[in-house]
């Protein structure tokens, strides 16, 4: 298998794997979620895994575009930020669904949004397309912040 193909498969497998493990740890959480008082615009539960799968695939593709670029300090910093935001992303559903710490989860989500913003900026400096692929993630996190904050207020 060619090196670029292996890099692409790895770049896709990492975020999809993070999402799968996080989903496994919070399985059954949509039942709890649907029982909460929810703000307007809350989508049905089935939307979340569909959207997240797409987002994880896009961020994996973005990380691939950065990973195949020439090795520089800027590239290494962007990929480091990518790894950090993935770790922070992994923990958010545990805080929100498993622990029920809605306010803490909101603060954690603000941290995640900032890290993803920095990562997106870093990716954009290396590959404009990689930056573009991260924008839907930021938009979704903004929407998730709205949902998270109002679930905190309503519950």
N, C-alpha and C. Protein backbone atom coordinates (compact mmCIF):
# COMPACT_ATOMS: atom_id res chain seq x y z
N UNK A 1 0.85 -1.18 0.00
CA UNK A 1 0.00 0.00 0.00
C UNK A 1 0.89 1.24 0.00
N UNK A 2 0.51 2.23 -0.77
CA UNK A 2 1.30 3.45 -0.85
C UNK A 2 1.26 4.21 0.47
N UNK A 3 2.35 4.95 0.72
CA UNK A 3 2.47 5.71 1.97
C UNK A 3 1.32 6.70 2.16
N UNK A 4 0.95 7.42 1.09
CA UNK A 4 -0.14 8.40 1.20
C UNK A 4 -1.47 7.73 1.52
N UNK A 5 -1.69 6.54 0.96
CA UNK A 5 -2.94 5.81 1.25
C UNK A 5 -2.99 5.41 2.72
N UNK A 6 -1.86 4.91 3.24
CA UNK A 6 -1.80 4.55 4.66
C UNK A 6 -2.02 5.78 5.54
N UNK A 7 -1.43 6.89 5.14
CA UNK A 7 -1.59 8.13 5.92
C UNK A 7 -3.05 8.56 5.90
N UNK A 8 -3.71 8.48 4.75
CA UNK A 8 -5.13 8.86 4.66
C UNK A 8 -5.99 7.94 5.52
N UNK A 9 -5.77 6.64 5.43
CA UNK A 9 -6.56 5.70 6.23
C UNK A 9 -6.37 5.93 7.72
N UNK A 10 -5.14 6.21 8.12
CA UNK A 10 -4.87 6.50 9.53
C UNK A 10 -5.55 7.80 9.95
N UNK A 11 -5.43 8.82 9.08
CA UNK A 11 -6.03 10.13 9.38
C UNK A 11 -7.54 10.03 9.53
N UNK A 12 -8.17 9.15 8.78
CA UNK A 12 -9.62 8.94 8.90
C UNK A 12 -9.95 8.06 10.11
N UNK A 13 -9.15 7.04 10.33
CA UNK A 13 -9.43 6.09 11.41
C UNK A 13 -9.32 6.72 12.80
N UNK A 14 -8.38 7.64 12.97
CA UNK A 14 -8.18 8.23 14.31
C UNK A 14 -9.43 8.98 14.79
N UNK A 15 -9.92 9.98 14.07
CA UNK A 15 -11.10 10.67 14.60
C UNK A 15 -12.35 9.79 14.61
N UNK A 16 -12.51 8.93 13.61
CA UNK A 16 -13.68 8.04 13.62
C UNK A 16 -13.59 7.06 14.79
N UNK A 17 -12.38 6.62 15.12
CA UNK A 17 -12.19 5.75 16.28
C UNK A 17 -12.48 6.46 17.59
N UNK A 18 -12.01 7.71 17.68
CA UNK A 18 -12.30 8.52 18.88
C UNK A 18 -13.81 8.66 19.04
N UNK A 19 -14.49 8.95 17.95
CA UNK A 19 -15.95 9.08 18.00
C UNK A 19 -16.63 7.78 18.37
N UNK A 20 -16.15 6.67 17.83
CA UNK A 20 -16.76 5.37 18.12
C UNK A 20 -16.59 4.99 19.60
N UNK A 21 -15.41 5.20 20.14
CA UNK A 21 -15.18 4.87 21.55
C UNK A 21 -16.00 5.78 22.45
N UNK A 22 -16.03 7.06 22.12
CA UNK A 22 -16.83 8.02 22.89
C UNK A 22 -18.31 7.63 22.82
N UNK A 23 -18.77 7.25 21.64
CA UNK A 23 -20.16 6.81 21.49
C UNK A 23 -20.44 5.55 22.29
N UNK A 24 -19.48 4.63 22.31
CA UNK A 24 -19.64 3.40 23.10
C UNK A 24 -19.76 3.72 24.59
N UNK A 25 -18.92 4.65 25.06
CA UNK A 25 -18.94 5.01 26.48
C UNK A 25 -20.22 5.72 26.89
N UNK A 26 -20.90 6.34 25.93
CA UNK A 26 -22.11 7.09 26.24
C UNK A 26 -23.35 6.45 25.61
N UNK A 27 -23.25 5.16 25.28
CA UNK A 27 -24.39 4.50 24.64
C UNK A 27 -25.63 4.58 25.53
N UNK A 28 -26.77 4.73 24.90
CA UNK A 28 -28.01 4.90 25.63
C UNK A 28 -28.25 6.34 26.07
N UNK A 29 -27.31 7.21 25.78
CA UNK A 29 -27.42 8.59 26.26
C UNK A 29 -28.52 9.37 25.54
N UNK A 30 -28.87 8.98 24.33
CA UNK A 30 -29.92 9.72 23.62
C UNK A 30 -31.27 9.52 24.29
N UNK A 31 -31.46 8.39 24.98
CA UNK A 31 -32.71 8.19 25.74
C UNK A 31 -32.79 9.23 26.85
N UNK A 32 -31.69 9.41 27.56
CA UNK A 32 -31.62 10.42 28.62
C UNK A 32 -31.77 11.81 28.03
N UNK A 33 -31.09 12.07 26.93
CA UNK A 33 -31.13 13.38 26.27
C UNK A 33 -32.56 13.76 25.90
N UNK A 34 -33.30 12.81 25.36
CA UNK A 34 -34.66 13.10 24.90
C UNK A 34 -35.62 13.36 26.06
N UNK A 35 -35.25 12.96 27.26
CA UNK A 35 -36.10 13.21 28.44
C UNK A 35 -35.84 14.58 29.06
N UNK A 36 -34.74 15.23 28.65
CA UNK A 36 -34.41 16.55 29.18
C UNK A 36 -35.31 17.61 28.57
N UNK A 37 -35.50 18.71 29.29
CA UNK A 37 -36.15 19.88 28.71
C UNK A 37 -35.15 20.45 27.71
N UNK A 38 -35.60 20.66 26.47
CA UNK A 38 -34.68 21.05 25.41
C UNK A 38 -35.09 22.38 24.80
N UNK A 39 -34.10 23.12 24.32
CA UNK A 39 -34.38 24.41 23.69
C UNK A 39 -34.97 24.23 22.29
N UNK A 40 -35.54 25.31 21.75
CA UNK A 40 -35.99 25.25 20.35
C UNK A 40 -34.81 24.92 19.43
N UNK A 41 -35.10 24.33 18.32
CA UNK A 41 -34.13 23.93 17.28
C UNK A 41 -33.37 22.65 17.62
N UNK A 42 -33.71 22.00 18.73
CA UNK A 42 -33.03 20.75 19.06
C UNK A 42 -33.42 19.68 18.03
N UNK A 43 -32.43 19.11 17.35
CA UNK A 43 -32.75 18.09 16.34
C UNK A 43 -33.11 16.75 17.01
N UNK A 44 -33.74 15.85 16.25
CA UNK A 44 -33.99 14.51 16.79
C UNK A 44 -32.68 13.78 17.07
N UNK A 45 -32.71 12.85 17.97
CA UNK A 45 -31.50 12.16 18.42
C UNK A 45 -30.70 11.49 17.32
N UNK A 46 -31.36 10.98 16.29
CA UNK A 46 -30.65 10.27 15.23
C UNK A 46 -29.71 11.19 14.44
N UNK A 47 -29.94 12.50 14.50
CA UNK A 47 -29.13 13.45 13.73
C UNK A 47 -27.69 13.50 14.26
N UNK A 48 -27.53 13.39 15.57
CA UNK A 48 -26.21 13.58 16.17
C UNK A 48 -25.15 12.60 15.66
N UNK A 49 -25.39 11.28 15.68
CA UNK A 49 -24.33 10.39 15.17
C UNK A 49 -24.07 10.57 13.68
N UNK A 50 -25.09 10.92 12.92
CA UNK A 50 -24.91 11.14 11.49
C UNK A 50 -24.00 12.35 11.27
N UNK A 51 -24.31 13.46 11.94
CA UNK A 51 -23.51 14.67 11.79
C UNK A 51 -22.08 14.43 12.28
N UNK A 52 -21.93 13.80 13.44
CA UNK A 52 -20.59 13.59 13.98
C UNK A 52 -19.75 12.69 13.07
N UNK A 53 -20.36 11.69 12.47
CA UNK A 53 -19.59 10.84 11.56
C UNK A 53 -19.05 11.66 10.39
N UNK A 54 -19.89 12.51 9.82
CA UNK A 54 -19.43 13.39 8.75
C UNK A 54 -18.34 14.34 9.20
N UNK A 55 -18.52 14.91 10.37
CA UNK A 55 -17.51 15.86 10.90
C UNK A 55 -16.19 15.16 11.16
N UNK A 56 -16.24 13.96 11.74
CA UNK A 56 -15.00 13.23 11.99
C UNK A 56 -14.30 12.87 10.68
N UNK A 57 -15.06 12.52 9.65
CA UNK A 57 -14.45 12.22 8.35
C UNK A 57 -13.81 13.48 7.75
N UNK A 58 -14.50 14.63 7.88
CA UNK A 58 -13.93 15.87 7.34
C UNK A 58 -12.68 16.29 8.10
N UNK A 59 -12.70 16.17 9.44
CA UNK A 59 -11.51 16.58 10.18
C UNK A 59 -10.36 15.60 9.92
N UNK A 60 -10.68 14.33 9.73
CA UNK A 60 -9.64 13.37 9.38
C UNK A 60 -9.01 13.70 8.03
N UNK A 61 -9.84 14.07 7.07
CA UNK A 61 -9.33 14.47 5.76
C UNK A 61 -8.48 15.73 5.87
N UNK A 62 -8.93 16.67 6.68
CA UNK A 62 -8.15 17.90 6.90
C UNK A 62 -6.79 17.57 7.51
N UNK A 63 -6.79 16.68 8.51
CA UNK A 63 -5.51 16.32 9.14
C UNK A 63 -4.59 15.62 8.15
N UNK A 64 -5.17 14.85 7.25
CA UNK A 64 -4.37 14.20 6.19
C UNK A 64 -3.69 15.24 5.31
N UNK A 65 -4.45 16.25 4.89
CA UNK A 65 -3.87 17.29 4.03
C UNK A 65 -2.70 18.01 4.72
N UNK A 66 -2.81 18.16 6.02
CA UNK A 66 -1.72 18.78 6.78
C UNK A 66 -0.57 17.80 6.96
N UNK A 67 -0.90 16.55 7.27
CA UNK A 67 0.13 15.54 7.53
C UNK A 67 1.02 15.27 6.32
N UNK A 68 0.48 15.41 5.12
CA UNK A 68 1.30 15.14 3.92
C UNK A 68 2.08 16.37 3.45
N UNK A 69 1.88 17.49 4.14
CA UNK A 69 2.64 18.69 3.79
C UNK A 69 4.07 18.55 4.33
N UNK A 70 5.00 19.36 3.83
CA UNK A 70 6.38 19.27 4.32
C UNK A 70 6.46 19.47 5.84
N UNK A 71 7.36 18.74 6.45
CA UNK A 71 7.51 18.81 7.91
C UNK A 71 8.11 20.15 8.30
N UNK A 72 7.33 20.90 9.08
CA UNK A 72 7.79 22.19 9.60
C UNK A 72 7.29 22.31 11.04
N UNK A 73 7.78 23.30 11.75
CA UNK A 73 7.30 23.56 13.10
C UNK A 73 5.82 23.93 13.08
N UNK A 74 5.41 24.70 12.08
CA UNK A 74 4.00 25.11 11.93
C UNK A 74 3.10 23.89 11.75
N UNK A 75 3.53 22.95 10.93
CA UNK A 75 2.78 21.72 10.70
C UNK A 75 2.68 20.90 11.98
N UNK A 76 3.80 20.77 12.67
CA UNK A 76 3.81 19.98 13.90
C UNK A 76 2.89 20.61 14.96
N UNK A 77 2.90 21.93 15.05
CA UNK A 77 2.03 22.62 16.02
C UNK A 77 0.56 22.41 15.67
N UNK A 78 0.23 22.51 14.39
CA UNK A 78 -1.16 22.32 13.95
C UNK A 78 -1.63 20.89 14.25
N UNK A 79 -0.78 19.91 13.99
CA UNK A 79 -1.17 18.52 14.27
C UNK A 79 -1.23 18.26 15.78
N UNK A 80 -0.38 18.92 16.55
CA UNK A 80 -0.47 18.80 18.01
C UNK A 80 -1.80 19.35 18.52
N UNK A 81 -2.17 20.55 18.04
CA UNK A 81 -3.46 21.13 18.41
C UNK A 81 -4.61 20.22 18.00
N UNK A 82 -4.49 19.61 16.86
CA UNK A 82 -5.50 18.67 16.38
C UNK A 82 -5.67 17.52 17.38
N UNK A 83 -4.56 16.96 17.82
CA UNK A 83 -4.62 15.87 18.80
C UNK A 83 -5.21 16.31 20.12
N UNK A 84 -4.86 17.50 20.57
CA UNK A 84 -5.39 18.02 21.84
C UNK A 84 -6.90 18.23 21.72
N UNK A 85 -7.36 18.82 20.62
CA UNK A 85 -8.79 19.06 20.49
C UNK A 85 -9.55 17.74 20.38
N UNK A 86 -8.95 16.73 19.77
CA UNK A 86 -9.61 15.42 19.72
C UNK A 86 -9.78 14.84 21.12
N UNK A 87 -8.76 14.99 21.96
CA UNK A 87 -8.84 14.49 23.33
C UNK A 87 -9.92 15.24 24.12
N UNK A 88 -9.96 16.55 23.94
CA UNK A 88 -10.98 17.36 24.63
C UNK A 88 -12.36 16.99 24.10
N UNK A 89 -12.48 16.80 22.79
CA UNK A 89 -13.74 16.38 22.19
C UNK A 89 -14.20 15.04 22.77
N UNK A 90 -13.27 14.12 22.92
CA UNK A 90 -13.58 12.79 23.45
C UNK A 90 -14.25 12.86 24.82
N UNK A 91 -13.81 13.79 25.65
CA UNK A 91 -14.30 13.85 27.02
C UNK A 91 -15.64 14.59 27.17
N UNK A 92 -15.98 15.48 26.22
CA UNK A 92 -17.20 16.26 26.38
C UNK A 92 -18.44 15.39 26.59
N UNK A 93 -18.71 14.37 25.76
CA UNK A 93 -19.93 13.59 25.98
C UNK A 93 -19.93 12.83 27.31
N UNK A 94 -18.76 12.49 27.80
CA UNK A 94 -18.69 11.83 29.10
C UNK A 94 -19.16 12.79 30.18
N UNK A 95 -18.68 14.04 30.13
CA UNK A 95 -19.09 15.05 31.11
C UNK A 95 -20.58 15.37 30.97
N UNK A 96 -21.05 15.51 29.75
CA UNK A 96 -22.44 15.90 29.53
C UNK A 96 -23.40 14.75 29.81
N UNK A 97 -23.20 13.63 29.15
CA UNK A 97 -24.16 12.52 29.24
C UNK A 97 -23.96 11.65 30.47
N UNK A 98 -22.75 11.18 30.69
CA UNK A 98 -22.52 10.24 31.78
C UNK A 98 -22.57 10.92 33.15
N UNK A 99 -21.91 12.06 33.27
CA UNK A 99 -21.86 12.75 34.57
C UNK A 99 -23.04 13.69 34.78
N UNK A 100 -23.64 14.18 33.69
CA UNK A 100 -24.74 15.13 33.82
C UNK A 100 -24.27 16.50 34.30
N UNK A 101 -23.01 16.81 34.06
CA UNK A 101 -22.43 18.10 34.46
C UNK A 101 -22.65 19.12 33.34
N UNK A 102 -23.85 19.60 33.20
CA UNK A 102 -24.21 20.42 32.05
C UNK A 102 -23.44 21.74 31.98
N UNK A 103 -23.27 22.40 33.11
CA UNK A 103 -22.53 23.65 33.06
C UNK A 103 -21.04 23.41 32.80
N UNK A 104 -20.47 22.43 33.50
CA UNK A 104 -19.07 22.11 33.26
C UNK A 104 -18.85 21.69 31.80
N UNK A 105 -19.78 20.90 31.27
CA UNK A 105 -19.69 20.47 29.88
C UNK A 105 -19.74 21.68 28.93
N UNK A 106 -20.55 22.68 29.28
CA UNK A 106 -20.60 23.89 28.46
C UNK A 106 -19.25 24.62 28.48
N UNK A 107 -18.66 24.78 29.65
CA UNK A 107 -17.35 25.42 29.75
C UNK A 107 -16.31 24.61 28.97
N UNK A 108 -16.38 23.30 29.08
CA UNK A 108 -15.48 22.41 28.35
C UNK A 108 -15.67 22.59 26.84
N UNK A 109 -16.91 22.77 26.43
CA UNK A 109 -17.22 22.97 25.01
C UNK A 109 -16.67 24.30 24.50
N UNK A 110 -16.69 25.32 25.34
CA UNK A 110 -16.08 26.60 24.96
C UNK A 110 -14.57 26.41 24.76
N UNK A 111 -13.94 25.66 25.67
CA UNK A 111 -12.52 25.34 25.50
C UNK A 111 -12.31 24.58 24.19
N UNK A 112 -13.15 23.60 23.92
CA UNK A 112 -13.04 22.83 22.68
C UNK A 112 -13.18 23.74 21.46
N UNK A 113 -14.16 24.64 21.49
CA UNK A 113 -14.37 25.55 20.36
C UNK A 113 -13.10 26.37 20.10
N UNK A 114 -12.50 26.88 21.17
CA UNK A 114 -11.28 27.69 21.03
C UNK A 114 -10.13 26.86 20.45
N UNK A 115 -9.98 25.64 20.94
CA UNK A 115 -8.92 24.76 20.42
C UNK A 115 -9.15 24.43 18.94
N UNK A 116 -10.40 24.18 18.57
CA UNK A 116 -10.71 23.88 17.18
C UNK A 116 -10.47 25.12 16.31
N UNK A 117 -10.80 26.29 16.83
CA UNK A 117 -10.51 27.53 16.10
C UNK A 117 -9.00 27.65 15.84
N UNK A 118 -8.19 27.44 16.88
CA UNK A 118 -6.73 27.52 16.71
C UNK A 118 -6.23 26.46 15.73
N UNK A 119 -6.79 25.26 15.83
CA UNK A 119 -6.41 24.18 14.92
C UNK A 119 -6.80 24.54 13.49
N UNK A 120 -7.99 25.06 13.31
CA UNK A 120 -8.46 25.45 11.97
C UNK A 120 -7.55 26.52 11.38
N UNK A 121 -7.20 27.49 12.19
CA UNK A 121 -6.30 28.56 11.74
C UNK A 121 -4.93 27.97 11.35
N UNK A 122 -4.43 27.07 12.18
CA UNK A 122 -3.15 26.41 11.88
C UNK A 122 -3.22 25.57 10.62
N UNK A 123 -4.32 24.83 10.46
CA UNK A 123 -4.50 24.02 9.26
C UNK A 123 -4.58 24.92 8.02
N UNK A 124 -5.31 26.04 8.13
CA UNK A 124 -5.48 26.96 7.00
C UNK A 124 -4.15 27.54 6.55
N UNK A 125 -3.25 27.78 7.49
CA UNK A 125 -1.93 28.32 7.14
C UNK A 125 -1.12 27.33 6.30
N UNK A 126 -1.47 26.06 6.40
CA UNK A 126 -0.73 25.01 5.69
C UNK A 126 -1.47 24.58 4.42
N UNK A 127 -2.78 24.42 4.56
CA UNK A 127 -3.62 24.00 3.43
C UNK A 127 -4.97 24.69 3.54
N UNK A 128 -5.26 25.54 2.59
CA UNK A 128 -6.55 26.25 2.60
C UNK A 128 -7.71 25.26 2.65
N UNK A 129 -7.61 24.16 1.89
CA UNK A 129 -8.68 23.15 1.88
C UNK A 129 -8.84 22.50 3.24
N UNK A 130 -7.74 22.25 3.93
CA UNK A 130 -7.82 21.68 5.27
C UNK A 130 -8.57 22.62 6.20
N UNK A 131 -8.30 23.89 6.11
CA UNK A 131 -9.02 24.88 6.91
C UNK A 131 -10.50 24.88 6.60
N UNK A 132 -10.84 24.84 5.30
CA UNK A 132 -12.25 24.82 4.90
C UNK A 132 -12.97 23.58 5.45
N UNK A 133 -12.28 22.46 5.46
CA UNK A 133 -12.90 21.22 5.97
C UNK A 133 -13.20 21.28 7.47
N UNK A 134 -12.55 22.17 8.19
CA UNK A 134 -12.78 22.30 9.63
C UNK A 134 -13.93 23.26 9.97
N UNK A 135 -14.32 24.09 9.03
CA UNK A 135 -15.36 25.10 9.32
C UNK A 135 -16.69 24.49 9.75
N UNK A 136 -17.19 23.43 9.09
CA UNK A 136 -18.45 22.84 9.57
C UNK A 136 -18.37 22.36 11.03
N UNK A 137 -17.21 21.91 11.43
CA UNK A 137 -16.98 21.48 12.82
C UNK A 137 -17.18 22.66 13.77
N UNK A 138 -16.60 23.80 13.44
CA UNK A 138 -16.78 25.00 14.28
C UNK A 138 -18.25 25.43 14.32
N UNK A 139 -18.92 25.36 13.19
CA UNK A 139 -20.34 25.72 13.13
C UNK A 139 -21.15 24.77 14.02
N UNK A 140 -20.89 23.48 13.91
CA UNK A 140 -21.62 22.50 14.72
C UNK A 140 -21.33 22.69 16.21
N UNK A 141 -20.07 22.97 16.56
CA UNK A 141 -19.74 23.21 17.96
C UNK A 141 -20.46 24.45 18.50
N UNK A 142 -20.63 25.45 17.66
CA UNK A 142 -21.37 26.65 18.06
C UNK A 142 -22.82 26.28 18.36
N UNK A 143 -23.41 25.49 17.48
CA UNK A 143 -24.78 25.03 17.69
C UNK A 143 -24.86 24.13 18.93
N UNK A 144 -23.88 23.25 19.11
CA UNK A 144 -23.84 22.38 20.28
C UNK A 144 -23.72 23.21 21.56
N UNK A 145 -22.98 24.32 21.49
CA UNK A 145 -22.87 25.21 22.65
C UNK A 145 -24.21 25.81 23.01
N UNK A 146 -24.96 26.23 22.00
CA UNK A 146 -26.32 26.75 22.23
C UNK A 146 -27.17 25.68 22.93
N UNK A 147 -27.17 24.46 22.38
CA UNK A 147 -27.96 23.38 22.99
C UNK A 147 -27.51 23.10 24.41
N UNK A 148 -26.21 22.97 24.60
CA UNK A 148 -25.64 22.65 25.91
C UNK A 148 -26.00 23.72 26.94
N UNK A 149 -25.83 24.98 26.58
CA UNK A 149 -26.09 26.06 27.53
C UNK A 149 -27.57 26.09 27.93
N UNK A 150 -28.45 25.96 26.96
CA UNK A 150 -29.87 26.02 27.29
C UNK A 150 -30.36 24.77 28.00
N UNK A 151 -29.75 23.63 27.73
CA UNK A 151 -30.09 22.44 28.51
C UNK A 151 -29.67 22.65 29.96
N UNK A 152 -28.52 23.27 30.17
CA UNK A 152 -28.09 23.62 31.53
C UNK A 152 -29.12 24.52 32.19
N UNK A 153 -29.57 25.56 31.50
CA UNK A 153 -30.53 26.49 32.09
C UNK A 153 -31.89 25.85 32.34
N UNK A 154 -32.33 25.00 31.46
CA UNK A 154 -33.67 24.43 31.55
C UNK A 154 -33.77 23.22 32.49
N UNK A 155 -32.63 22.64 32.80
CA UNK A 155 -32.66 21.43 33.62
C UNK A 155 -31.89 21.66 34.91
